[in-house]
Amino acid sequence: MSLPVVLMLTTVPDASSAEKLAQDALELRLAACVTELGKVRSRYRWKGAVETAEEIQLLFKTSAARSLELERFIAANHPYETPELLTWQADASNAYGQWVGAETHRPTHV
């Protein structure tokens, strides 16, 4: 049996941006896990010119229930004017899917 999880991929310009975005998303329980995929070289068109930049890719794992909140959080806290944000649903093992759901469960305030 498998359970759905949502994966979100973004790139950031440096290690401090990666650390802050990942840590804050985890503390807010918007993601159960953030994997730093490492440095990548991106080539892209931006404002009429071809650019090249070294970036760090981050892969966030979250539940469908928190995915929209995570997307909004990343957009609001990302250092880029137009951040890359790619989202897709994946089937996870039952145990991993349950863990993602539990770790991203919205906390109740006592």
C-alpha atoms as a PDB file:
ATOM      1  CA  MET A   1       0.000   0.000   0.000  1.00  0.00           C
ATOM      2  CA  SER A   2       1.238   3.498  -0.726  1.00  0.00           C
ATOM      3  CA  LEU A   3       0.282   6.963   0.458  1.00  0.00           C
ATOM      4  CA  PRO A   4       0.582  10.259  -1.414  1.00  0.00           C
ATOM      5  CA  VAL A   5       3.212  12.819  -0.476  1.00  0.00           C
ATOM      6  CA  VAL A   6       3.948  16.125  -2.164  1.00  0.00           C
ATOM      7  CA  LEU A   7       7.462  16.997  -3.335  1.00  0.00           C
ATOM      8  CA  MET A   8       8.567  20.593  -3.904  1.00  0.00           C
ATOM      9  CA  LEU A   9      11.813  21.554  -5.566  1.00  0.00           C
ATOM     10  CA  THR A  10      13.439  24.972  -5.437  1.00  0.00           C
ATOM     11  CA  THR A  11      16.879  26.471  -5.886  1.00  0.00           C
ATOM     12  CA  VAL A  12      18.501  29.118  -3.701  1.00  0.00           C
ATOM     13  CA  PRO A  13      21.666  31.167  -4.211  1.00  0.00           C
ATOM     14  CA  ASP A  14      23.737  30.041  -1.214  1.00  0.00           C
ATOM     15  CA  ALA A  15      24.109  27.814   1.834  1.00  0.00           C
ATOM     16  CA  SER A  16      22.717  30.344   4.319  1.00  0.00           C
ATOM     17  CA  SER A  17      19.523  30.761   2.267  1.00  0.00           C
ATOM     18  CA  ALA A  18      19.188  26.974   2.016  1.00  0.00           C
ATOM     19  CA  GLU A  19      19.676  26.506   5.762  1.00  0.00           C
ATOM     20  CA  LYS A  20      17.169  29.205   6.722  1.00  0.00           C
ATOM     21  CA  LEU A  21      14.438  28.150   4.300  1.00  0.00           C
ATOM     22  CA  ALA A  22      14.754  24.478   5.260  1.00  0.00           C
ATOM     23  CA  GLN A  23      14.979  25.061   9.017  1.00  0.00           C
ATOM     24  CA  ASP A  24      12.039  27.458   9.126  1.00  0.00           C
ATOM     25  CA  ALA A  25       9.822  25.129   7.054  1.00  0.00           C
ATOM     26  CA  LEU A  26      10.657  22.233   9.391  1.00  0.00           C
ATOM     27  CA  GLU A  27      10.044  24.259  12.547  1.00  0.00           C
ATOM     28  CA  LEU A  28       6.652  25.353  11.199  1.00  0.00           C
ATOM     29  CA  ARG A  29       5.881  21.699  10.355  1.00  0.00           C
ATOM     30  CA  LEU A  30       5.287  22.652   6.726  1.00  0.00           C
ATOM     31  CA  ALA A  31       7.699  19.902   5.664  1.00  0.00           C
ATOM     32  CA  ALA A  32       8.654  16.600   7.229  1.00  0.00           C
ATOM     33  CA  CYS A  33      12.026  16.533   5.493  1.00  0.00           C
ATOM     34  CA  VAL A  34      14.124  18.834   3.334  1.00  0.00           C
ATOM     35  CA  THR A  35      16.915  17.254   1.321  1.00  0.00           C
ATOM     36  CA  GLU A  36      19.720  19.491   0.147  1.00  0.00           C
ATOM     37  CA  LEU A  37      20.608  18.054  -3.227  1.00  0.00           C
ATOM     38  CA  GLY A  38      23.779  20.088  -3.460  1.00  0.00           C
ATOM     39  CA  LYS A  39      25.270  22.660  -5.749  1.00  0.00           C
ATOM     40  CA  VAL A  40      24.008  22.853  -9.286  1.00  0.00           C
ATOM     41  CA  ARG A  41      24.814  25.112 -12.199  1.00  0.00           C
ATOM     42  CA  SER A  42      21.714  26.662 -13.728  1.00  0.00           C
ATOM     43  CA  ARG A  43      21.477  28.333 -17.106  1.00  0.00           C
ATOM     44  CA  TYR A  44      18.328  30.302 -17.765  1.00  0.00           C
ATOM     45  CA  ARG A  45      16.850  33.284 -19.539  1.00  0.00           C
ATOM     46  CA  TRP A  46      16.198  36.266 -17.250  1.00  0.00           C
ATOM     47  CA  LYS A  47      15.077  39.727 -18.343  1.00  0.00           C
ATOM     48  CA  GLY A  48      16.216  39.225 -21.917  1.00  0.00           C
ATOM     49  CA  ALA A  49      19.633  37.716 -21.233  1.00  0.00           C
ATOM     50  CA  VAL A  50      21.016  34.214 -20.766  1.00  0.00           C
ATOM     51  CA  GLU A  51      22.398  33.854 -17.241  1.00  0.00           C
ATOM     52  CA  THR A  52      24.466  31.219 -15.467  1.00  0.00           C
ATOM     53  CA  ALA A  53      24.444  30.783 -11.698  1.00  0.00           C
ATOM     54  CA  GLU A  54      25.634  28.289  -9.111  1.00  0.00           C
ATOM     55  CA  GLU A  55      22.743  27.416  -6.840  1.00  0.00           C
ATOM     56  CA  ILE A  56      21.721  24.889  -4.204  1.00  0.00           C
ATOM     57  CA  GLN A  57      18.715  22.668  -4.867  1.00  0.00           C
ATOM     58  CA  LEU A  58      16.310  21.838  -2.075  1.00  0.00           C
ATOM     59  CA  LEU A  59      13.685  19.079  -2.152  1.00  0.00           C
ATOM     60  CA  PHE A  60      10.871  19.467   0.389  1.00  0.00           C
ATOM     61  CA  LYS A  61       8.646  16.525   1.356  1.00  0.00           C
ATOM     62  CA  THR A  62       5.222  17.423   2.725  1.00  0.00           C
ATOM     63  CA  SER A  63       1.628  16.248   2.943  1.00  0.00           C
ATOM     64  CA  ALA A  64      -1.123  17.272   0.547  1.00  0.00           C
ATOM     65  CA  ALA A  65      -2.824  19.005   3.493  1.00  0.00           C
ATOM     66  CA  ARG A  66       0.140  21.370   4.018  1.00  0.00           C
ATOM     67  CA  SER A  67       1.400  21.735   0.443  1.00  0.00           C
ATOM     68  CA  LEU A  68      -0.343  25.022  -0.353  1.00  0.00           C
ATOM     69  CA  GLU A  69       0.924  26.548   2.894  1.00  0.00           C
ATOM     70  CA  LEU A  70       4.447  25.360   2.103  1.00  0.00           C
ATOM     71  CA  GLU A  71       4.241  26.815  -1.402  1.00  0.00           C
ATOM     72  CA  ARG A  72       3.126  30.181   0.003  1.00  0.00           C
ATOM     73  CA  PHE A  73       5.848  30.068   2.665  1.00  0.00           C
ATOM     74  CA  ILE A  74       8.583  29.390   0.129  1.00  0.00           C
ATOM     75  CA  ALA A  75       7.339  32.147  -2.178  1.00  0.00           C
ATOM     76  CA  ALA A  76       7.173  34.678   0.692  1.00  0.00           C
ATOM     77  CA  ASN A  77      10.578  33.787   2.172  1.00  0.00           C
ATOM     78  CA  HIS A  78      12.630  33.023  -0.909  1.00  0.00           C
ATOM     79  CA  PRO A  79      15.473  35.412  -1.772  1.00  0.00           C
ATOM     80  CA  TYR A  80      14.687  35.401  -5.523  1.00  0.00           C
ATOM     81  CA  GLU A  81      12.206  37.740  -7.197  1.00  0.00           C
ATOM     82  CA  THR A  82      10.744  34.785  -9.105  1.00  0.00           C
ATOM     83  CA  PRO A  83      11.718  31.568  -7.332  1.00  0.00           C
ATOM     84  CA  GLU A  84      11.674  28.228  -9.074  1.00  0.00           C
ATOM     85  CA  LEU A  85       9.017  26.114  -7.406  1.00  0.00           C
ATOM     86  CA  LEU A  86       8.169  22.763  -8.959  1.00  0.00           C
ATOM     87  CA  THR A  87       5.591  20.577  -7.238  1.00  0.00           C
ATOM     88  CA  TRP A  88       4.481  17.019  -7.870  1.00  0.00           C
ATOM     89  CA  GLN A  89       2.692  14.239  -6.054  1.00  0.00           C
ATOM     90  CA  ALA A  90       4.457  10.958  -5.418  1.00  0.00           C
ATOM     91  CA  ASP A  91       3.411   7.636  -3.967  1.00  0.00           C
ATOM     92  CA  ALA A  92       5.335   6.850  -0.796  1.00  0.00           C
ATOM     93  CA  SER A  93       5.553   3.626   1.126  1.00  0.00           C
ATOM     94  CA  ASN A  94       2.841   3.334   3.737  1.00  0.00           C
ATOM     95  CA  ALA A  95       5.275   3.864   6.623  1.00  0.00           C
ATOM     96  CA  TYR A  96       6.990   6.883   5.024  1.00  0.00           C
ATOM     97  CA  GLY A  97       3.675   8.434   3.985  1.00  0.00           C
ATOM     98  CA  GLN A  98       2.328   8.077   7.521  1.00  0.00           C
ATOM     99  CA  TRP A  99       5.498   9.664   8.908  1.00  0.00           C
ATOM    100  CA  VAL A 100       5.222  12.638   6.518  1.00  0.00           C
ATOM    101  CA  GLY A 101       1.582  13.100   7.510  1.00  0.00           C
ATOM    102  CA  ALA A 102       2.378  12.939  11.227  1.00  0.00           C
ATOM    103  CA  GLU A 103       5.329  15.336  10.997  1.00  0.00           C
ATOM    104  CA  THR A 104       3.385  17.912   9.001  1.00  0.00           C
ATOM    105  CA  HIS A 105       0.227  17.695  11.071  1.00  0.00           C
ATOM    106  CA  ARG A 106      -0.842  21.198  12.036  1.00  0.00           C
ATOM    107  CA  PRO A 107      -0.054  21.677  15.734  1.00  0.00           C
ATOM    108  CA  THR A 108      -2.937  22.386  18.057  1.00  0.00           C
ATOM    109  CA  HIS A 109      -2.463  25.175  20.532  1.00  0.00           C
ATOM    110  CA  VAL A 110      -3.258  24.362  24.150  1.00  0.00           C
END
